[in-house]
Amino acid sequence: MKTYHNDVVAFLQKLIQTPSVNGKNGEAAVVEVIRAEASKLGLPHRVIAKDNNRPNIFVGEDFKGTNEVLRGAHLDTVPVGETSAWTHPPFSGILENERLYGRGAIDCKGGIAMSLYALKLLKDAGKLHTAKFVGVADEESGADSTLGLRYLLDEGLNARTAVYTYGGNADGSHLTIGHRGLVRLWVTCHGESIHSGSKEWQDKKRGSNAIDGLIDLLSELREFALPGENKYFPGYRSVLTPTLIEGGAGESIVPDRAKVLLDIRLLPEHRNAEVISETTELTKRLSDGRRTFTIEVKNNLPGVLTDPNSDIVKRALKLNKELFGVDSSLKGSGPANESYMLISRGIPTITGYGPFGANFHSANEYALTDSINTLLTLLSRLAGEVVDLD
């Protein structure tokens, strides 16, 4: 069987060299790179878009079929951050000592490259009908976009099982079968503005400082804790983190508006709706005649776990043992991803099997190219019994 190692590396370099930063570039250009590669490999494909500037791409024979293993990956990336922190330019795709550097190398363009060439292996073996791939738009906005995977599922995308092809896991020691829930809330405090040098403000006769309102709120939330643990999330618990804050209109103006973004991660047994309700009740208790609060739900993703006894989990554990020589444990991920959309539709889903590497969402993201052949073998065999690469 032909080895596609160099082809995967070259394709991944093209993907990295085509920026698709969420909120800046869009996905059309990277979809064109994938479309061209699929054409070169003789793989059937089509572009599917709710927004023509933010397209998705499907590669395979049966979009609505229920007998295949679906591979998924998102097309967009996070920003590069401070470019001076990168050893190599973030969109260069430089290969150095088996490390392929660039934004998206493992999150999630490595998964795109691996998925297409795993389909090529299946095509070579006459088994293309056993698997398919979707590259989806707008995941990095919060993993709940209506433009990408959710839109495709609403359009009829289906599968027997699925693999969301993130990279990173360098030894096969665990298999990811779910993730914590995510709730993001913008909480805005509305106060009353007044000159900060006035006697009325000094004597507390007029004005209400919205920043003080947020301080009171965050003081209450500092002790946020929910009881319980989950064996598939060892060391993890439900946690609340204020991550963004805005407020104030001028140096001498008591602010009448301030807002904070609350990032809340929840174990699957904790219900998002209950946390939103409890936060709402807290803001009502902290309101008075001069200040009020409003809450906007930005993201609301449930915590999920794929059935540990599902076929895809059993097959992956078997292949991990065979190809990596390890007995993998089953774990959930701390960060959330779009696999909940698939699991919630009754499609058992695992995440992983993009190229090994490191530095998700940080400088010097890289994929380890010496992991490609083994992972191509594994990805192809998750769908059909394809012989190992030479």
Protein backbone atom coordinates (compact mmCIF):
# COMPACT_ATOMS: atom_id res chain seq x y z
CA MET A 1 0.00 0.00 0.00
CA LYS A 2 1.25 3.46 -0.87
CA THR A 3 2.56 5.63 1.92
CA TYR A 4 1.04 9.12 1.88
CA HIS A 5 3.22 10.69 4.58
CA ASN A 6 4.81 13.34 2.35
CA ASP A 7 1.48 14.16 0.71
CA VAL A 8 -0.15 14.75 4.11
CA VAL A 9 2.71 17.03 5.17
CA ALA A 10 2.50 19.06 1.96
CA PHE A 11 -1.29 19.35 2.23
CA LEU A 12 -1.11 20.43 5.87
CA GLN A 13 1.45 23.07 4.94
CA LYS A 14 -0.99 24.46 2.32
CA LEU A 15 -3.78 24.53 4.90
CA ILE A 16 -1.62 26.39 7.44
CA GLN A 17 -0.44 28.82 4.76
CA THR A 18 -4.09 29.70 4.08
CA PRO A 19 -5.16 31.78 7.10
CA SER A 20 -8.68 31.16 8.38
CA VAL A 21 -8.70 33.09 11.65
CA ASN A 22 -12.20 33.30 13.05
CA GLY A 23 -13.61 36.80 12.76
CA LYS A 24 -10.93 37.88 10.28
CA ASN A 25 -10.46 35.63 7.26
CA GLY A 26 -13.51 33.42 6.81
CA GLU A 27 -13.31 29.85 5.51
CA ALA A 28 -13.80 30.22 1.74
CA ALA A 29 -10.10 30.16 0.87
CA VAL A 30 -9.30 27.10 2.97
CA VAL A 31 -12.35 25.30 1.56
CA GLU A 32 -10.92 25.89 -1.91
CA VAL A 33 -7.62 24.29 -0.82
CA ILE A 34 -9.51 21.23 0.45
CA ARG A 35 -11.69 21.08 -2.66
CA ALA A 36 -8.59 21.10 -4.88
CA GLU A 37 -6.94 18.33 -2.83
CA ALA A 38 -10.07 16.19 -2.89
CA SER A 39 -10.24 16.59 -6.67
CA LYS A 40 -6.59 15.56 -7.00
CA LEU A 41 -7.29 12.44 -4.91
CA GLY A 42 -10.43 11.55 -6.85
CA LEU A 43 -12.67 11.96 -3.81
CA PRO A 44 -16.28 13.09 -4.35
CA HIS A 45 -17.03 16.36 -2.59
CA ARG A 46 -19.31 19.36 -2.45
CA VAL A 47 -19.41 22.74 -0.77
CA ILE A 48 -22.43 23.37 1.47
CA ALA A 49 -23.07 26.82 2.92
CA LYS A 50 -25.67 28.69 4.89
CA ASP A 51 -23.52 31.79 4.39
CA ASN A 52 -21.49 31.78 1.17
CA ASN A 53 -18.70 33.66 2.92
CA ARG A 54 -18.52 30.96 5.61
CA PRO A 55 -18.80 27.65 3.69
CA ASN A 56 -18.49 24.03 4.80
CA ILE A 57 -17.20 21.14 2.73
CA PHE A 58 -18.36 17.51 2.54
CA VAL A 59 -16.13 14.75 1.17
CA GLY A 60 -17.62 11.31 0.60
CA GLU A 61 -20.36 9.40 -1.13
CA ASP A 62 -23.45 9.63 1.08
CA PHE A 63 -24.15 12.81 3.06
CA LYS A 64 -27.25 11.38 4.78
CA GLY A 65 -26.06 7.78 5.10
CA THR A 66 -26.13 6.02 8.46
CA ASN A 67 -23.56 3.26 7.87
CA GLU A 68 -20.35 5.29 7.68
CA VAL A 69 -17.83 6.62 10.14
CA LEU A 70 -17.88 10.42 9.91
CA ARG A 71 -14.66 12.36 10.37
CA GLY A 72 -15.07 16.01 11.31
CA ALA A 73 -12.77 18.99 11.75
CA HIS A 74 -13.31 22.72 11.92
CA LEU A 75 -11.89 24.99 9.25
CA ASP A 76 -11.30 28.12 11.32
CA THR A 77 -8.56 28.87 13.84
CA VAL A 78 -8.02 31.18 16.79
CA PRO A 79 -5.84 34.29 16.28
CA VAL A 80 -2.06 33.95 16.42
CA GLY A 81 -1.61 36.28 19.39
CA GLU A 82 1.71 38.09 19.72
CA THR A 83 3.72 37.11 16.63
CA SER A 84 7.01 37.83 18.38
CA ALA A 85 6.33 34.84 20.63
CA TRP A 86 6.49 32.47 17.62
CA THR A 87 9.78 30.81 16.68
CA HIS A 88 8.55 30.65 13.06
CA PRO A 89 5.94 32.84 11.37
CA PRO A 90 2.53 31.43 12.36
CA PHE A 91 1.33 30.93 8.76
CA SER A 92 4.60 29.63 7.32
CA GLY A 93 4.06 25.90 7.78
CA ILE A 94 7.77 25.47 8.51
CA LEU A 95 8.93 21.86 9.01
CA GLU A 96 11.81 21.49 11.46
CA ASN A 97 12.93 18.30 13.22
CA GLU A 98 9.65 16.49 12.47
CA ARG A 99 7.65 19.43 13.84
CA LEU A 100 5.35 21.24 11.44
CA TYR A 101 4.71 24.70 12.90
CA GLY A 102 1.75 26.98 12.34
CA ARG A 103 -1.61 28.15 13.56
CA GLY A 104 -4.07 25.31 13.13
CA ALA A 105 -1.44 22.56 12.93
CA ILE A 106 -3.31 20.44 15.47
CA ASP A 107 -6.43 22.57 15.98
CA CYS A 108 -7.77 21.55 13.59
CA LYS A 109 -6.07 21.57 10.17
CA GLY A 110 -4.00 18.51 10.99
CA GLY A 111 -7.27 16.63 11.38
CA ILE A 112 -8.43 17.86 7.97
CA ALA A 113 -5.27 16.59 6.29
CA MET A 114 -5.38 13.25 8.10
CA SER A 115 -9.07 12.75 7.33
CA LEU A 116 -8.75 13.33 3.59
CA TYR A 117 -5.83 10.95 3.23
CA ALA A 118 -7.52 8.33 5.39
CA LEU A 119 -10.38 8.52 2.88
CA LYS A 120 -7.82 8.11 0.09
CA LEU A 121 -6.56 4.93 1.77
CA LEU A 122 -10.11 3.63 1.92
CA LYS A 123 -10.67 4.54 -1.74
CA ASP A 124 -7.49 2.65 -2.68
CA ALA A 125 -8.87 -0.38 -0.82
CA GLY A 126 -12.30 -0.13 -2.44
CA LYS A 127 -13.94 0.89 0.85
CA LEU A 128 -14.67 4.58 0.43
CA HIS A 129 -18.31 3.83 1.23
CA THR A 130 -17.34 3.16 4.87
CA ALA A 131 -16.34 6.74 5.79
CA LYS A 132 -16.83 10.42 4.97
CA PHE A 133 -15.60 13.84 6.10
CA VAL A 134 -16.98 17.29 6.90
CA GLY A 135 -14.95 20.44 7.37
CA VAL A 136 -17.09 22.97 9.21
CA ALA A 137 -17.09 26.73 9.63
CA ASP A 138 -17.14 28.96 12.70
CA GLU A 139 -16.28 26.53 15.51
CA GLU A 140 -13.91 28.90 17.29
CA SER A 141 -16.70 31.40 17.99
CA GLY A 142 -17.89 29.15 20.81
CA ALA A 143 -18.66 25.70 19.34
CA ASP A 144 -22.36 26.48 18.93
CA SER A 145 -22.52 28.26 15.58
CA THR A 146 -25.53 27.90 13.27
CA LEU A 147 -23.24 28.14 10.21
CA GLY A 148 -21.20 24.96 10.52
CA LEU A 149 -21.84 21.50 11.93
CA ARG A 150 -25.27 22.38 13.33
CA TYR A 151 -26.38 23.57 9.89
CA LEU A 152 -25.11 20.39 8.23
CA LEU A 153 -26.94 18.21 10.76
CA ASP A 154 -30.12 20.20 10.18
CA GLU A 155 -29.62 19.59 6.45
CA GLY A 156 -29.58 15.85 7.05
CA LEU A 157 -25.97 14.90 7.73
CA ASN A 158 -25.92 11.54 9.49
CA ALA A 159 -23.52 8.69 10.31
CA ARG A 160 -23.18 5.50 12.28
CA THR A 161 -20.39 6.91 14.45
CA ALA A 162 -18.01 9.87 14.32
CA VAL A 163 -14.48 11.04 15.10
CA TYR A 164 -13.81 14.75 15.63
CA THR A 165 -10.17 14.83 14.58
CA TYR A 166 -8.36 17.05 17.05
CA GLY A 167 -4.65 16.43 17.43
CA GLY A 168 -2.39 16.51 20.45
CA ASN A 169 -2.58 13.22 22.41
CA ALA A 170 1.01 12.05 22.07
CA ASP A 171 0.93 8.52 23.45
CA GLY A 172 -2.55 7.04 23.05
CA SER A 173 -2.82 6.76 26.83
CA HIS A 174 -6.42 7.92 26.86
CA LEU A 175 -9.42 8.08 24.58
CA THR A 176 -11.63 11.17 24.74
CA ILE A 177 -15.34 10.32 24.80
CA GLY A 178 -16.96 13.60 25.86
CA HIS A 179 -16.48 17.03 27.35
CA ARG A 180 -17.64 19.31 30.13
CA GLY A 181 -20.55 21.64 29.52
CA LEU A 182 -19.97 25.31 28.80
CA VAL A 183 -22.10 28.31 29.75
CA ARG A 184 -20.92 31.83 28.94
CA LEU A 185 -22.95 34.70 30.39
CA TRP A 186 -22.58 38.40 29.76
CA VAL A 187 -23.78 40.01 32.99
CA THR A 188 -24.33 43.76 32.73
CA CYS A 189 -24.79 46.05 35.72
CA HIS A 190 -26.78 49.22 35.05
CA GLY A 191 -26.11 52.06 37.49
CA GLU A 192 -26.53 55.84 37.55
CA SER A 193 -23.87 58.23 36.25
CA ILE A 194 -22.81 61.41 38.03
CA HIS A 195 -19.64 63.52 38.32
CA SER A 196 -17.21 61.67 40.55
CA GLY A 197 -16.18 64.94 42.15
CA SER A 198 -19.69 66.03 43.13
CA LYS A 199 -20.90 66.34 46.70
CA GLU A 200 -24.05 64.34 45.88
CA TRP A 201 -21.87 61.39 44.91
CA GLN A 202 -19.62 61.84 47.92
CA ASP A 203 -22.66 61.84 50.23
CA LYS A 204 -24.27 58.88 48.40
CA LYS A 205 -27.35 60.92 47.54
CA ARG A 206 -27.09 60.33 43.81
CA GLY A 207 -25.33 57.94 41.50
CA SER A 208 -24.68 54.21 41.45
CA ASN A 209 -21.35 52.76 40.37
CA ALA A 210 -21.90 49.87 37.96
CA ILE A 211 -18.32 48.66 38.49
CA ASP A 212 -19.06 48.36 42.21
CA GLY A 213 -22.07 46.28 41.23
CA LEU A 214 -19.84 43.86 39.33
CA ILE A 215 -17.45 43.73 42.28
CA ASP A 216 -20.32 42.70 44.54
CA LEU A 217 -21.42 40.09 42.01
CA LEU A 218 -17.95 38.61 41.59
CA SER A 219 -17.41 38.54 45.33
CA GLU A 220 -20.48 36.35 45.66
CA LEU A 221 -19.40 34.13 42.77
CA ARG A 222 -15.87 33.65 44.05
CA GLU A 223 -17.10 30.80 46.20
CA PHE A 224 -18.86 29.13 43.25
CA ALA A 225 -18.77 25.40 43.77
CA LEU A 226 -20.96 22.51 42.77
CA PRO A 227 -20.66 19.18 44.58
CA GLY A 228 -19.86 15.96 42.81
CA GLU A 229 -17.29 14.34 40.59
CA ASN A 230 -17.30 12.15 37.52
CA LYS A 231 -14.98 9.18 37.01
CA TYR A 232 -14.48 10.09 33.36
CA PHE A 233 -13.23 13.56 34.34
CA PRO A 234 -10.51 12.78 36.92
CA GLY A 235 -9.30 15.95 38.61
CA TYR A 236 -11.96 18.11 36.97
CA ARG A 237 -14.84 19.85 38.68
CA SER A 238 -17.35 22.53 37.74
CA VAL A 239 -15.68 25.93 37.75
CA LEU A 240 -16.58 29.58 37.06
CA THR A 241 -14.07 32.08 35.64
CA PRO A 242 -14.62 35.79 34.84
CA THR A 243 -12.69 36.22 31.58
CA LEU A 244 -13.64 39.63 30.15
CA ILE A 245 -14.73 42.88 31.77
CA GLU A 246 -15.82 46.21 30.34
CA GLY A 247 -17.01 49.41 31.98
CA GLY A 248 -16.78 53.12 32.40
CA ALA A 249 -17.34 56.12 30.13
CA GLY A 250 -14.86 58.70 31.39
CA GLU A 251 -12.25 59.43 34.02
CA SER A 252 -14.53 61.64 36.10
CA ILE A 253 -17.84 59.88 35.45
CA VAL A 254 -19.32 57.38 37.88
CA PRO A 255 -19.96 54.49 35.47
CA ASP A 256 -23.59 53.69 34.75
CA ARG A 257 -22.76 50.52 32.84
CA ALA A 258 -20.27 47.69 33.30
CA LYS A 259 -20.29 44.09 32.10
CA VAL A 260 -18.42 40.90 32.77
CA LEU A 261 -18.23 37.62 30.85
CA LEU A 262 -18.61 34.57 33.07
CA ASP A 263 -17.10 31.37 31.64
CA ILE A 264 -18.64 28.39 33.45
CA ARG A 265 -17.47 24.80 32.89
CA LEU A 266 -19.78 22.06 34.14
CA LEU A 267 -19.51 18.33 34.62
CA PRO A 268 -22.18 16.42 32.65
CA GLU A 269 -24.31 15.80 35.74
CA HIS A 270 -24.67 19.55 36.40
CA ARG A 271 -27.41 21.25 34.43
CA ASN A 272 -26.70 24.43 32.51
CA ALA A 273 -30.23 25.75 33.02
CA GLU A 274 -29.92 25.52 36.80
CA VAL A 275 -26.67 27.52 36.82
CA ILE A 276 -28.20 30.20 34.59
CA SER A 277 -31.24 30.37 36.87
CA GLU A 278 -29.15 30.63 40.03
CA THR A 279 -27.02 33.40 38.54
CA THR A 280 -30.16 35.27 37.55
CA GLU A 281 -31.52 34.99 41.10
CA LEU A 282 -28.24 36.34 42.47
CA THR A 283 -28.43 39.42 40.25
CA LYS A 284 -31.99 40.07 41.43
CA ARG A 285 -30.84 39.91 45.04
CA LEU A 286 -28.02 42.38 44.35
CA SER A 287 -30.29 44.87 42.58
CA ASP A 288 -31.65 47.92 44.40
CA GLY A 289 -33.35 51.20 43.56
CA ARG A 290 -30.34 52.55 41.68
CA ARG A 291 -28.78 49.50 40.07
CA THR A 292 -30.10 46.56 38.11
CA PHE A 293 -28.59 43.66 36.19
CA THR A 294 -29.31 42.00 32.87
CA ILE A 295 -27.99 38.64 31.62
CA GLU A 296 -27.29 37.57 28.05
CA VAL A 297 -26.52 33.91 27.36
CA LYS A 298 -23.65 33.88 24.88
CA ASN A 299 -22.92 30.14 24.78
CA ASN A 300 -24.83 27.19 26.18
CA LEU A 301 -23.29 23.78 25.46
CA PRO A 302 -24.24 20.66 27.43
CA GLY A 303 -21.71 18.33 28.95
CA VAL A 304 -21.76 14.99 27.15
CA LEU A 305 -20.31 11.48 27.19
CA THR A 306 -20.46 8.88 24.45
CA ASP A 307 -21.57 5.44 25.63
CA PRO A 308 -18.35 3.68 26.75
CA ASN A 309 -19.77 0.43 25.33
CA SER A 310 -20.42 1.84 21.85
CA ASP A 311 -18.79 0.21 18.85
CA ILE A 312 -16.55 3.18 18.03
CA VAL A 313 -15.12 3.22 21.56
CA LYS A 314 -14.46 -0.52 21.58
CA ARG A 315 -12.78 -0.41 18.18
CA ALA A 316 -10.64 2.60 19.11
CA LEU A 317 -9.49 0.96 22.35
CA LYS A 318 -8.54 -2.17 20.43
CA LEU A 319 -6.58 -0.21 17.83
CA ASN A 320 -4.82 1.90 20.48
CA LYS A 321 -3.63 -1.31 22.10
CA GLU A 322 -2.50 -2.78 18.80
CA LEU A 323 -0.82 0.29 17.32
CA PHE A 324 0.44 2.14 20.41
CA GLY A 325 0.86 -0.78 22.79
CA VAL A 326 -1.20 0.87 25.56
CA ASP A 327 -4.40 0.15 27.45
CA SER A 328 -6.11 3.50 27.01
CA SER A 329 -8.31 4.98 29.70
CA LEU A 330 -11.58 6.70 28.84
CA LYS A 331 -11.74 10.40 29.65
CA GLY A 332 -13.77 13.51 29.07
CA SER A 333 -12.21 16.76 27.93
CA GLY A 334 -12.06 19.87 30.10
CA PRO A 335 -12.64 22.23 27.16
CA ALA A 336 -15.83 21.84 25.12
CA ASN A 337 -16.08 21.11 21.40
CA GLU A 338 -18.72 20.38 18.78
CA SER A 339 -18.93 16.65 19.48
CA TYR A 340 -21.99 17.31 21.67
CA MET A 341 -23.95 18.14 18.53
CA LEU A 342 -23.25 14.68 17.15
CA ILE A 343 -23.74 12.82 20.44
CA SER A 344 -27.03 14.65 21.03
CA ARG A 345 -28.22 13.42 17.60
CA GLY A 346 -27.53 9.81 18.58
CA ILE A 347 -24.16 9.55 16.78
CA PRO A 348 -21.54 8.07 19.18
CA THR A 349 -18.47 10.31 18.88
CA ILE A 350 -14.87 10.29 20.04
CA THR A 351 -12.32 13.07 19.62
CA GLY A 352 -8.71 12.74 18.59
CA TYR A 353 -6.52 11.06 15.95
CA GLY A 354 -5.36 14.23 14.33
CA PRO A 355 -1.55 14.34 14.31
CA PHE A 356 0.22 14.37 17.64
CA GLY A 357 1.61 17.74 18.68
CA ALA A 358 1.26 20.56 21.19
CA ASN A 359 0.41 24.19 21.93
CA PHE A 360 -3.30 24.44 21.28
CA HIS A 361 -4.38 28.10 21.19
CA SER A 362 -0.87 29.34 21.96
CA ALA A 363 2.38 30.32 20.25
CA ASN A 364 4.43 27.72 18.37
CA GLU A 365 1.57 25.32 17.73
CA TYR A 366 2.99 22.29 15.96
CA ALA A 367 2.14 18.84 14.62
CA LEU A 368 4.53 15.90 14.89
CA THR A 369 4.86 14.54 11.38
CA ASP A 370 6.36 11.23 12.50
CA SER A 371 2.92 10.31 13.91
CA ILE A 372 1.19 10.52 10.52
CA ASN A 373 1.53 6.97 9.17
CA THR A 374 0.35 5.25 12.34
CA LEU A 375 -2.61 7.58 12.68
CA LEU A 376 -3.58 7.17 9.03
CA THR A 377 -3.64 3.44 9.59
CA LEU A 378 -5.76 3.87 12.71
CA LEU A 379 -8.22 6.28 11.09
CA SER A 380 -8.71 4.04 8.09
CA ARG A 381 -9.19 0.96 10.23
CA LEU A 382 -11.81 2.64 12.39
CA ALA A 383 -13.99 2.39 9.31
CA GLY A 384 -12.67 -0.73 7.56
CA GLU A 385 -9.94 -3.33 7.81
CA VAL A 386 -7.24 -1.64 5.78
CA VAL A 387 -3.78 -3.19 6.01
CA ASP A 388 -0.98 -1.27 7.70
CA LEU A 389 1.17 1.12 5.72
CA ASP A 390 4.67 -0.05 4.82
